Amino acid sequence: MTGAKYFTGSENSLAFAFPTRSGANRCVITLTPMDVYTVSFSRVHGTTVTPVKVYEDVYGDMLQDIFTRETGL
């Protein structure tokens, strides 16, 4: 539904790209030792990476709302 692609995972994080005309086009979701998430959005264009927004101390039930608010998808 969002067109997300280029999924990359590690032991405690998930990164992916998604299409957008403006704003963020990359997202990294990291599970912290406190059992909450840090969600980072950035804009990648060529070799330039521009941080857009970082949300800390995010509970699992908040992930969808944050993604929708930030991307409009």
C-alpha atoms as a PDB file:
ATOM      1  CA  MET A   1       0.000   0.000   0.000  1.00  0.00           C
ATOM      2  CA  THR A   2       2.872   2.434   0.679  1.00  0.00           C
ATOM      3  CA  GLY A   3       5.237   1.221  -2.037  1.00  0.00           C
ATOM      4  CA  ALA A   4       7.975   0.586   0.521  1.00  0.00           C
ATOM      5  CA  LYS A   5      11.077  -1.178  -0.801  1.00  0.00           C
ATOM      6  CA  TYR A   6      14.753  -1.829  -0.085  1.00  0.00           C
ATOM      7  CA  PHE A   7      14.054  -3.344   3.335  1.00  0.00           C
ATOM      8  CA  THR A   8      17.152  -3.821   5.469  1.00  0.00           C
ATOM      9  CA  GLY A   9      17.023  -5.402   8.899  1.00  0.00           C
ATOM     10  CA  SER A  10      19.411  -5.973  11.752  1.00  0.00           C
ATOM     11  CA  GLU A  11      19.089  -7.408  15.229  1.00  0.00           C
ATOM     12  CA  ASN A  12      17.124  -4.425  16.532  1.00  0.00           C
ATOM     13  CA  SER A  13      16.176  -2.240  13.547  1.00  0.00           C
ATOM     14  CA  LEU A  14      14.365  -2.077  10.225  1.00  0.00           C
ATOM     15  CA  ALA A  15      15.141   0.427   7.457  1.00  0.00           C
ATOM     16  CA  PHE A  16      13.233   0.974   4.225  1.00  0.00           C
ATOM     17  CA  ALA A  17      12.585   3.469   1.428  1.00  0.00           C
ATOM     18  CA  PHE A  18       9.225   4.678   0.186  1.00  0.00           C
ATOM     19  CA  PRO A  19       8.139   6.947  -2.666  1.00  0.00           C
ATOM     20  CA  THR A  20       7.250  10.552  -1.998  1.00  0.00           C
ATOM     21  CA  ARG A  21       7.307  13.813  -3.901  1.00  0.00           C
ATOM     22  CA  SER A  22       8.469  15.895  -0.954  1.00  0.00           C
ATOM     23  CA  GLY A  23       9.548  15.347   2.623  1.00  0.00           C
ATOM     24  CA  ALA A  24      11.022  12.124   3.948  1.00  0.00           C
ATOM     25  CA  ASN A  25      11.633   9.106   1.725  1.00  0.00           C
ATOM     26  CA  ARG A  26      13.560   6.851   4.137  1.00  0.00           C
ATOM     27  CA  CYS A  27      12.614   5.446   7.535  1.00  0.00           C
ATOM     28  CA  VAL A  28      14.594   3.609  10.198  1.00  0.00           C
ATOM     29  CA  ILE A  29      12.770   2.010  13.127  1.00  0.00           C
ATOM     30  CA  THR A  30      14.996   0.916  16.007  1.00  0.00           C
ATOM     31  CA  LEU A  31      13.994  -1.035  19.115  1.00  0.00           C
ATOM     32  CA  THR A  32      15.725   0.390  22.194  1.00  0.00           C
ATOM     33  CA  PRO A  33      16.726  -1.513  25.362  1.00  0.00           C
ATOM     34  CA  MET A  34      13.762   0.131  27.127  1.00  0.00           C
ATOM     35  CA  ASP A  35      11.421  -1.825  24.785  1.00  0.00           C
ATOM     36  CA  VAL A  36      10.262   1.304  22.950  1.00  0.00           C
ATOM     37  CA  TYR A  37      11.125   2.463  19.436  1.00  0.00           C
ATOM     38  CA  THR A  38      13.058   5.312  17.884  1.00  0.00           C
ATOM     39  CA  VAL A  39      11.672   6.261  14.463  1.00  0.00           C
ATOM     40  CA  SER A  40      13.901   8.349  12.171  1.00  0.00           C
ATOM     41  CA  PHE A  41      12.784   9.897   8.899  1.00  0.00           C
ATOM     42  CA  SER A  42      15.198  11.326   6.358  1.00  0.00           C
ATOM     43  CA  ARG A  43      15.286  12.581   2.796  1.00  0.00           C
ATOM     44  CA  VAL A  44      17.839  10.894   0.523  1.00  0.00           C
ATOM     45  CA  HIS A  45      18.609  12.427  -2.862  1.00  0.00           C
ATOM     46  CA  GLY A  46      21.682  11.053  -4.625  1.00  0.00           C
ATOM     47  CA  THR A  47      24.422  11.001  -2.004  1.00  0.00           C
ATOM     48  CA  THR A  48      22.831  13.697   0.148  1.00  0.00           C
ATOM     49  CA  VAL A  49      21.028  12.580   3.313  1.00  0.00           C
ATOM     50  CA  THR A  50      18.957  15.203   5.125  1.00  0.00           C
ATOM     51  CA  PRO A  51      17.403  14.331   8.495  1.00  0.00           C
ATOM     52  CA  VAL A  52      13.726  15.281   8.608  1.00  0.00           C
ATOM     53  CA  LYS A  53      12.333  14.148  11.967  1.00  0.00           C
ATOM     54  CA  VAL A  54      13.190  11.786  14.833  1.00  0.00           C
ATOM     55  CA  TYR A  55      10.630  10.389  17.269  1.00  0.00           C
ATOM     56  CA  GLU A  56      11.921   8.796  20.471  1.00  0.00           C
ATOM     57  CA  ASP A  57      10.183   6.648  23.099  1.00  0.00           C
ATOM     58  CA  VAL A  58       7.519   5.425  20.668  1.00  0.00           C
ATOM     59  CA  TYR A  59       5.290   2.542  21.749  1.00  0.00           C
ATOM     60  CA  GLY A  60       4.294  -0.138  19.244  1.00  0.00           C
ATOM     61  CA  ASP A  61       0.704   1.043  18.993  1.00  0.00           C
ATOM     62  CA  MET A  62       1.919   4.517  17.976  1.00  0.00           C
ATOM     63  CA  LEU A  63       3.995   3.420  14.948  1.00  0.00           C
ATOM     64  CA  GLN A  64       1.238   3.558  12.340  1.00  0.00           C
ATOM     65  CA  ASP A  65       0.026   7.004  13.392  1.00  0.00           C
ATOM     66  CA  ILE A  66       3.544   8.446  13.308  1.00  0.00           C
ATOM     67  CA  PHE A  67       4.287   6.969   9.883  1.00  0.00           C
ATOM     68  CA  THR A  68       0.990   8.273   8.464  1.00  0.00           C
ATOM     69  CA  ARG A  69       1.452  11.724  10.000  1.00  0.00           C
ATOM     70  CA  GLU A  70       4.995  12.092   8.694  1.00  0.00           C
ATOM     71  CA  THR A  71       4.513  10.664   5.185  1.00  0.00           C
ATOM     72  CA  GLY A  72       0.860  11.119   4.366  1.00  0.00           C
ATOM     73  CA  LEU A  73       0.773   7.504   3.147  1.00  0.00           C
END
